[in-house]
């Protein structure tokens, strides 16, 4: 006589509690990752604008050494508006050898959008950087908050 066994199919899938645990873990990771990503993108936007301004320092020095007048951004090869900076302005006082290159950060996260970066040249040819943005976003550019504190945001 032949015995027949009935094999019950094994149920697959996840229980409700397992799915809830996964959703909770994803929520915790997102709560940590989103602010970190926003800080990263703010630093990247700040660095991009700073890099565009810093590129003009060499041309600025060349013009100063050649005794040329510097009246605007075009004189040192910079554009007034780019995808990272807007309202790029350049000043130079030939009488005392001081000058500046400044711009407003265009776009990016709220902590840096619309904040100013100013590269200032003293009479000895030393450059300093000040910003309205929180120095947390300045990275290793050497920029400090214009107010002397940690910045605006």
N, C-alpha and C. Protein backbone atom coordinates (compact mmCIF):
# COMPACT_ATOMS: atom_id res chain seq x y z
N UNK A 1 0.83 -1.16 0.00
CA UNK A 1 0.00 0.00 0.00
C UNK A 1 0.89 1.24 0.00
N UNK A 2 0.46 2.15 -0.74
CA UNK A 2 1.24 3.35 -0.93
C UNK A 2 0.70 4.45 -0.02
N UNK A 3 1.64 5.05 0.72
CA UNK A 3 1.26 6.16 1.59
C UNK A 3 1.50 7.46 0.84
N UNK A 4 0.56 8.29 0.92
CA UNK A 4 0.72 9.57 0.26
C UNK A 4 0.79 10.68 1.32
N UNK A 5 1.75 11.46 1.15
CA UNK A 5 1.89 12.58 2.07
C UNK A 5 1.48 13.86 1.35
N UNK A 6 0.81 14.65 2.05
CA UNK A 6 0.42 15.94 1.49
C UNK A 6 1.42 16.97 1.99
N UNK A 7 2.03 17.62 1.07
CA UNK A 7 3.01 18.64 1.42
C UNK A 7 2.30 19.98 1.39
N UNK A 8 2.35 20.59 2.52
CA UNK A 8 1.73 21.92 2.59
C UNK A 8 2.70 22.95 2.00
N UNK A 9 2.20 23.86 1.22
CA UNK A 9 3.09 24.89 0.69
C UNK A 9 3.54 25.82 1.82
N UNK A 10 4.82 26.18 1.77
CA UNK A 10 5.37 27.08 2.77
C UNK A 10 4.94 28.49 2.40
N UNK A 11 4.43 29.19 3.39
CA UNK A 11 3.99 30.55 3.11
C UNK A 11 5.21 31.46 3.03
N UNK A 12 5.19 32.35 2.09
CA UNK A 12 6.29 33.29 1.91
C UNK A 12 5.84 34.69 2.28
N UNK A 13 6.77 35.59 2.25
CA UNK A 13 6.44 36.97 2.52
C UNK A 13 6.95 37.43 3.87
N UNK A 14 6.64 38.66 4.18
CA UNK A 14 7.10 39.27 5.42
C UNK A 14 5.91 39.55 6.31
N UNK A 15 6.15 39.51 7.56
CA UNK A 15 5.09 39.86 8.49
C UNK A 15 5.00 41.37 8.59
N UNK A 16 3.91 41.82 9.13
CA UNK A 16 3.71 43.26 9.28
C UNK A 16 4.78 43.88 10.17
N UNK A 17 5.15 43.22 11.22
CA UNK A 17 6.15 43.77 12.13
C UNK A 17 7.51 43.87 11.45
N UNK A 18 7.86 42.93 10.60
CA UNK A 18 9.13 43.01 9.86
C UNK A 18 9.13 44.20 8.92
N UNK A 19 8.02 44.43 8.24
CA UNK A 19 7.93 45.58 7.34
C UNK A 19 8.01 46.89 8.11
N UNK A 20 7.37 46.94 9.29
CA UNK A 20 7.42 48.15 10.10
C UNK A 20 8.83 48.44 10.60
N UNK A 21 9.58 47.40 10.92
CA UNK A 21 10.96 47.58 11.36
C UNK A 21 11.82 48.14 10.23
N UNK A 22 11.62 47.63 9.03
CA UNK A 22 12.38 48.12 7.87
C UNK A 22 12.05 49.59 7.61
N UNK A 23 10.78 49.94 7.68
CA UNK A 23 10.38 51.33 7.45
C UNK A 23 10.98 52.24 8.52
N UNK A 24 11.00 51.79 9.75
CA UNK A 24 11.59 52.59 10.83
C UNK A 24 13.08 52.79 10.61
N UNK A 25 13.77 51.75 10.20
CA UNK A 25 15.22 51.87 9.94
C UNK A 25 15.48 52.85 8.80
N UNK A 26 14.70 52.77 7.75
CA UNK A 26 14.86 53.69 6.63
C UNK A 26 14.59 55.12 7.08
N UNK A 27 13.58 55.32 7.92
CA UNK A 27 13.28 56.65 8.44
C UNK A 27 14.42 57.22 9.27
N UNK A 28 15.03 56.40 10.10
CA UNK A 28 16.16 56.84 10.91
C UNK A 28 17.35 57.21 10.04
N UNK A 29 17.63 56.39 9.05
CA UNK A 29 18.74 56.69 8.14
C UNK A 29 18.50 57.98 7.36
N UNK A 30 17.26 58.18 6.91
CA UNK A 30 16.93 59.40 6.17
C UNK A 30 17.06 60.63 7.07
N UNK A 31 16.67 60.51 8.33
CA UNK A 31 16.76 61.64 9.25
C UNK A 31 18.21 62.08 9.46
N UNK A 32 19.14 61.16 9.34
CA UNK A 32 20.55 61.49 9.49
C UNK A 32 21.14 61.92 8.15
N UNK A 33 20.76 61.26 7.08
CA UNK A 33 21.39 61.48 5.78
C UNK A 33 20.98 62.80 5.12
N UNK A 34 19.75 63.20 5.24
CA UNK A 34 19.28 64.40 4.54
C UNK A 34 20.00 65.66 5.03
N UNK A 35 20.08 65.92 6.33
CA UNK A 35 20.84 67.11 6.76
C UNK A 35 22.32 67.04 6.37
N UNK A 36 22.91 65.88 6.44
CA UNK A 36 24.32 65.74 6.06
C UNK A 36 24.49 66.04 4.58
N UNK A 37 23.57 65.60 3.75
CA UNK A 37 23.64 65.87 2.31
C UNK A 37 23.46 67.36 2.03
N UNK A 38 22.53 68.01 2.74
CA UNK A 38 22.32 69.44 2.53
C UNK A 38 23.56 70.24 2.92
N UNK A 39 24.22 69.86 4.01
CA UNK A 39 25.46 70.53 4.38
C UNK A 39 26.54 70.31 3.33
N UNK A 40 26.60 69.10 2.81
CA UNK A 40 27.58 68.78 1.76
C UNK A 40 27.33 69.64 0.52
N UNK A 41 26.08 69.75 0.07
CA UNK A 41 25.79 70.54 -1.12
C UNK A 41 26.02 72.02 -0.87
N UNK A 42 25.76 72.49 0.35
CA UNK A 42 26.03 73.90 0.68
C UNK A 42 27.52 74.19 0.60
N UNK A 43 28.34 73.29 1.15
CA UNK A 43 29.80 73.47 1.08
C UNK A 43 30.27 73.43 -0.36
N UNK A 44 29.68 72.55 -1.16
CA UNK A 44 30.08 72.44 -2.57
C UNK A 44 29.75 73.73 -3.33
N UNK A 45 28.57 74.31 -3.09
CA UNK A 45 28.18 75.54 -3.78
C UNK A 45 29.07 76.70 -3.34
N UNK A 46 29.37 76.76 -2.04
CA UNK A 46 30.27 77.80 -1.53
C UNK A 46 31.64 77.68 -2.20
N UNK A 47 32.17 76.47 -2.23
CA UNK A 47 33.50 76.25 -2.82
C UNK A 47 33.52 76.57 -4.30
N UNK A 48 32.43 76.30 -5.01
CA UNK A 48 32.38 76.59 -6.44
C UNK A 48 32.44 78.10 -6.68
N UNK A 49 31.68 78.85 -5.93
CA UNK A 49 31.71 80.31 -6.08
C UNK A 49 33.06 80.87 -5.66
N UNK A 50 33.58 80.39 -4.54
CA UNK A 50 34.89 80.84 -4.07
C UNK A 50 35.96 80.55 -5.12
N UNK A 51 35.91 79.37 -5.72
CA UNK A 51 36.90 79.00 -6.73
C UNK A 51 36.87 79.93 -7.93
N UNK A 52 35.68 80.34 -8.33
CA UNK A 52 35.58 81.26 -9.46
C UNK A 52 36.18 82.63 -9.11
N UNK A 53 35.95 83.08 -7.88
CA UNK A 53 36.52 84.37 -7.47
C UNK A 53 38.03 84.28 -7.31
N UNK A 54 38.49 83.21 -6.67
CA UNK A 54 39.92 83.05 -6.42
C UNK A 54 40.72 82.99 -7.72
N UNK A 55 40.08 82.51 -8.78
CA UNK A 55 40.77 82.46 -10.08
C UNK A 55 41.13 83.86 -10.57
N UNK A 56 40.40 84.86 -10.11
CA UNK A 56 40.67 86.22 -10.54
C UNK A 56 41.81 86.90 -9.80
N UNK A 57 42.28 86.30 -8.71
CA UNK A 57 43.36 86.94 -7.93
C UNK A 57 44.65 87.06 -8.73
N UNK A 58 44.98 86.04 -9.48
CA UNK A 58 46.23 86.09 -10.26
C UNK A 58 46.16 87.18 -11.31
N UNK A 59 45.06 87.24 -12.04
CA UNK A 59 44.90 88.28 -13.05
C UNK A 59 44.87 89.67 -12.41
N UNK A 60 44.27 89.76 -11.24
CA UNK A 60 44.25 91.02 -10.49
C UNK A 60 45.69 91.48 -10.21
N UNK A 61 46.51 90.56 -9.70
CA UNK A 61 47.90 90.90 -9.39
C UNK A 61 48.69 91.28 -10.63
N UNK A 62 48.43 90.60 -11.73
CA UNK A 62 49.12 90.94 -12.98
C UNK A 62 48.78 92.36 -13.40
N UNK A 63 47.49 92.70 -13.33
CA UNK A 63 47.07 94.05 -13.71
C UNK A 63 47.69 95.10 -12.78
N UNK A 64 47.72 94.81 -11.48
CA UNK A 64 48.32 95.74 -10.51
C UNK A 64 49.81 95.92 -10.81
N UNK A 65 50.51 94.83 -11.05
CA UNK A 65 51.95 94.91 -11.33
C UNK A 65 52.26 95.63 -12.64
N UNK A 66 51.33 95.55 -13.58
CA UNK A 66 51.51 96.24 -14.86
C UNK A 66 51.03 97.69 -14.80
N UNK A 67 50.50 98.10 -13.65
CA UNK A 67 50.02 99.47 -13.50
C UNK A 67 48.72 99.74 -14.23
N UNK A 68 47.96 98.73 -14.51
CA UNK A 68 46.69 98.87 -15.24
C UNK A 68 45.55 99.20 -14.28
N UNK A 69 44.58 99.92 -14.78
CA UNK A 69 43.38 100.23 -13.99
C UNK A 69 42.47 98.99 -13.98
N UNK A 70 41.84 98.76 -12.86
CA UNK A 70 40.89 97.65 -12.73
C UNK A 70 39.56 98.25 -12.32
N UNK A 71 38.60 98.18 -13.23
CA UNK A 71 37.31 98.82 -12.97
C UNK A 71 36.17 97.82 -12.80
N UNK A 72 36.31 96.64 -13.39
CA UNK A 72 35.22 95.67 -13.30
C UNK A 72 35.75 94.25 -13.43
N UNK A 73 34.84 93.30 -13.29
CA UNK A 73 35.23 91.88 -13.32
C UNK A 73 35.85 91.48 -14.65
N UNK A 74 35.39 92.07 -15.73
CA UNK A 74 35.90 91.73 -17.06
C UNK A 74 37.39 92.08 -17.19
N UNK A 75 37.84 93.08 -16.46
CA UNK A 75 39.25 93.48 -16.53
C UNK A 75 40.20 92.40 -16.03
N UNK A 76 39.71 91.50 -15.20
CA UNK A 76 40.56 90.41 -14.69
C UNK A 76 40.06 89.04 -15.17
N UNK A 77 39.23 89.04 -16.21
CA UNK A 77 38.80 87.80 -16.83
C UNK A 77 37.66 87.07 -16.13
N UNK A 78 36.94 87.77 -15.25
CA UNK A 78 35.80 87.14 -14.59
C UNK A 78 34.50 87.61 -15.23
N UNK A 79 33.47 86.78 -15.13
CA UNK A 79 32.14 87.15 -15.60
C UNK A 79 31.36 87.72 -14.42
N UNK A 80 30.43 88.63 -14.72
CA UNK A 80 29.61 89.20 -13.64
C UNK A 80 28.65 88.18 -13.06
N UNK A 81 28.14 87.29 -13.89
CA UNK A 81 27.19 86.27 -13.43
C UNK A 81 27.58 84.92 -14.01
N UNK A 82 27.59 83.90 -13.15
CA UNK A 82 27.85 82.53 -13.58
C UNK A 82 26.79 81.65 -12.95
N UNK A 83 26.93 80.35 -13.09
CA UNK A 83 25.96 79.44 -12.47
C UNK A 83 26.17 79.34 -10.96
N UNK A 84 27.30 79.79 -10.46
CA UNK A 84 27.59 79.72 -9.03
C UNK A 84 27.61 81.07 -8.34
N UNK A 85 27.93 82.13 -9.06
CA UNK A 85 28.07 83.48 -8.48
C UNK A 85 27.27 84.48 -9.31
N UNK A 86 26.81 85.50 -8.62
CA UNK A 86 26.17 86.61 -9.33
C UNK A 86 26.69 87.92 -8.76
N UNK A 87 26.55 88.97 -9.53
CA UNK A 87 26.98 90.30 -9.12
C UNK A 87 28.46 90.34 -8.71
N UNK A 88 29.30 89.75 -9.53
CA UNK A 88 30.74 89.78 -9.26
C UNK A 88 31.22 91.21 -9.46
N UNK A 89 31.82 91.76 -8.41
CA UNK A 89 32.33 93.12 -8.50
C UNK A 89 33.81 93.14 -8.12
N UNK A 90 34.54 94.03 -8.75
CA UNK A 90 35.97 94.17 -8.49
C UNK A 90 36.25 95.64 -8.23
N UNK A 91 36.98 95.91 -7.17
CA UNK A 91 37.39 97.28 -6.87
C UNK A 91 38.90 97.31 -6.72
N UNK A 92 39.47 98.46 -7.04
CA UNK A 92 40.91 98.64 -6.85
C UNK A 92 41.19 100.11 -6.62
N UNK A 93 41.93 100.40 -5.58
CA UNK A 93 42.36 101.76 -5.27
C UNK A 93 43.86 101.83 -5.52
N UNK A 94 44.23 102.41 -6.64
CA UNK A 94 45.65 102.47 -7.03
C UNK A 94 46.48 103.32 -6.08
N UNK A 95 45.83 104.25 -5.39
CA UNK A 95 46.58 105.13 -4.48
C UNK A 95 47.18 104.37 -3.31
N UNK A 96 46.42 103.41 -2.76
CA UNK A 96 46.96 102.67 -1.61
C UNK A 96 47.16 101.18 -1.88
N UNK A 97 46.86 100.72 -3.09
CA UNK A 97 47.12 99.33 -3.46
C UNK A 97 46.14 98.31 -2.92
N UNK A 98 45.01 98.77 -2.41
CA UNK A 98 44.01 97.83 -1.89
C UNK A 98 42.94 97.56 -2.93
N UNK A 99 42.27 96.45 -2.77
CA UNK A 99 41.21 96.11 -3.69
C UNK A 99 40.41 94.93 -3.18
N UNK A 100 39.40 94.55 -3.95
CA UNK A 100 38.58 93.41 -3.55
C UNK A 100 37.90 92.79 -4.75
N UNK A 101 37.55 91.53 -4.57
CA UNK A 101 36.74 90.79 -5.53
C UNK A 101 35.61 90.19 -4.71
N UNK A 102 34.38 90.49 -5.06
CA UNK A 102 33.27 89.97 -4.27
C UNK A 102 32.14 89.50 -5.17
N UNK A 103 31.30 88.63 -4.59
CA UNK A 103 30.16 88.10 -5.33
C UNK A 103 29.13 87.57 -4.35
N UNK A 104 27.96 87.32 -4.88
CA UNK A 104 26.87 86.70 -4.12
C UNK A 104 26.70 85.29 -4.64
N UNK A 105 26.58 84.33 -3.72
CA UNK A 105 26.40 82.93 -4.11
C UNK A 105 25.02 82.77 -4.73
N UNK A 106 24.98 82.15 -5.89
CA UNK A 106 23.74 81.96 -6.63
C UNK A 106 23.29 80.51 -6.53
N UNK A 107 22.10 80.29 -5.98
CA UNK A 107 21.55 78.95 -5.88
C UNK A 107 22.13 78.19 -4.71
N UNK A 108 21.88 76.91 -4.69
CA UNK A 108 22.36 76.08 -3.59
C UNK A 108 21.37 76.08 -2.44
N UNK A 109 21.67 75.34 -1.40
CA UNK A 109 20.80 75.28 -0.24
C UNK A 109 20.68 76.62 0.47
N UNK A 110 19.64 76.79 1.24
CA UNK A 110 19.34 78.05 1.92
C UNK A 110 20.49 78.62 2.75
N UNK A 111 21.29 77.81 3.44
CA UNK A 111 22.35 78.41 4.26
C UNK A 111 23.39 79.21 3.48
N UNK A 112 23.53 78.98 2.19
CA UNK A 112 24.53 79.73 1.41
C UNK A 112 23.92 80.56 0.28
N UNK A 113 22.73 80.26 -0.13
CA UNK A 113 22.10 80.98 -1.24
C UNK A 113 21.93 82.45 -0.88
N UNK A 114 22.48 83.33 -1.72
CA UNK A 114 22.36 84.76 -1.50
C UNK A 114 23.39 85.35 -0.54
N UNK A 115 24.29 84.54 -0.03
CA UNK A 115 25.32 85.04 0.88
C UNK A 115 26.50 85.58 0.05
N UNK A 116 27.24 86.49 0.64
CA UNK A 116 28.35 87.14 -0.06
C UNK A 116 29.69 86.55 0.32
N UNK A 117 30.59 86.58 -0.65
CA UNK A 117 31.99 86.21 -0.43
C UNK A 117 32.82 87.40 -0.92
N UNK A 118 33.77 87.82 -0.09
CA UNK A 118 34.63 88.93 -0.47
C UNK A 118 36.09 88.55 -0.26
N UNK A 119 36.86 88.64 -1.33
CA UNK A 119 38.31 88.47 -1.25
C UNK A 119 38.89 89.88 -1.24
N UNK A 120 39.61 90.22 -0.17
CA UNK A 120 40.14 91.57 -0.03
C UNK A 120 41.67 91.54 -0.06
N UNK A 121 42.22 92.51 -0.79
CA UNK A 121 43.68 92.64 -0.92
C UNK A 121 44.12 93.86 -0.12
N UNK A 122 45.13 93.67 0.74
CA UNK A 122 45.65 94.82 1.48
C UNK A 122 46.80 95.45 0.69
N UNK A 123 47.34 96.53 1.21
CA UNK A 123 48.38 97.27 0.51
C UNK A 123 49.66 96.46 0.31
N UNK A 124 49.86 95.43 1.13
CA UNK A 124 51.05 94.59 1.00
C UNK A 124 50.84 93.42 0.04
N UNK A 125 49.67 93.32 -0.55
CA UNK A 125 49.39 92.25 -1.49
C UNK A 125 48.86 90.97 -0.86
N UNK A 126 48.52 91.02 0.43
CA UNK A 126 47.96 89.83 1.10
C UNK A 126 46.45 89.79 0.88
N UNK A 127 45.97 88.60 0.63
CA UNK A 127 44.54 88.40 0.39
C UNK A 127 43.89 87.76 1.60
N UNK A 128 42.71 88.22 1.95
CA UNK A 128 41.89 87.61 3.00
C UNK A 128 40.51 87.36 2.43
N UNK A 129 39.76 86.50 3.08
CA UNK A 129 38.43 86.17 2.62
C UNK A 129 37.43 86.32 3.76
N UNK A 130 36.34 87.00 3.49
CA UNK A 130 35.24 87.14 4.43
C UNK A 130 33.96 86.71 3.74
N UNK A 131 33.03 86.20 4.53
CA UNK A 131 31.76 85.76 3.99
C UNK A 131 30.63 86.04 4.95
N UNK A 132 29.44 86.19 4.41
CA UNK A 132 28.23 86.32 5.23
C UNK A 132 27.71 84.94 5.62
N UNK A 133 28.15 83.92 4.91
CA UNK A 133 27.70 82.55 5.19
C UNK A 133 28.38 82.04 6.46
N UNK A 134 27.79 81.04 7.05
CA UNK A 134 28.38 80.40 8.22
C UNK A 134 29.72 79.80 7.81
N UNK A 135 30.75 80.00 8.62
CA UNK A 135 32.08 79.49 8.27
C UNK A 135 32.11 77.97 8.18
N UNK A 136 31.09 77.31 8.71
CA UNK A 136 30.98 75.85 8.58
C UNK A 136 30.97 75.43 7.11
N UNK A 137 30.43 76.29 6.25
CA UNK A 137 30.32 75.96 4.83
C UNK A 137 31.54 76.40 4.03
N UNK A 138 32.44 77.14 4.65
CA UNK A 138 33.61 77.64 3.94
C UNK A 138 34.68 76.58 3.73
N UNK A 139 34.59 75.47 4.44
CA UNK A 139 35.57 74.40 4.27
C UNK A 139 36.97 74.89 4.56
N UNK A 140 37.92 74.52 3.72
CA UNK A 140 39.31 74.92 3.94
C UNK A 140 39.72 76.11 3.07
N UNK A 141 38.75 76.96 2.72
CA UNK A 141 39.04 78.13 1.90
C UNK A 141 39.72 79.24 2.68
N UNK A 142 39.62 79.18 4.00
CA UNK A 142 40.19 80.23 4.84
C UNK A 142 39.27 81.40 5.05
N UNK A 143 38.06 81.33 4.54
CA UNK A 143 37.09 82.41 4.73
C UNK A 143 36.57 82.41 6.16
N UNK A 144 36.39 83.62 6.67
CA UNK A 144 35.81 83.77 8.01
C UNK A 144 34.52 84.57 7.88
N UNK A 145 33.67 84.42 8.87
CA UNK A 145 32.40 85.15 8.85
C UNK A 145 32.69 86.63 8.99
N UNK A 146 32.01 87.43 8.19
CA UNK A 146 32.26 88.87 8.16
C UNK A 146 31.99 89.51 9.51
N UNK A 147 31.03 88.96 10.26
CA UNK A 147 30.70 89.52 11.57
C UNK A 147 31.61 89.04 12.66
N UNK A 148 32.54 88.15 12.35
CA UNK A 148 33.46 87.64 13.34
C UNK A 148 32.94 86.43 14.08
N UNK A 149 31.67 86.11 13.90
CA UNK A 149 31.08 84.96 14.58
C UNK A 149 31.05 83.76 13.68
N UNK A 150 30.01 82.95 13.84
CA UNK A 150 29.93 81.74 13.02
C UNK A 150 29.14 81.95 11.76
N UNK A 151 28.66 83.15 11.51
CA UNK A 151 27.99 83.42 10.26
C UNK A 151 26.53 83.69 10.44
N UNK A 152 25.84 83.79 9.30
CA UNK A 152 24.46 84.22 9.33
C UNK A 152 23.43 83.17 9.58
N UNK A 153 23.58 81.96 9.14
CA UNK A 153 22.46 81.02 9.21
C UNK A 153 22.31 80.46 10.55
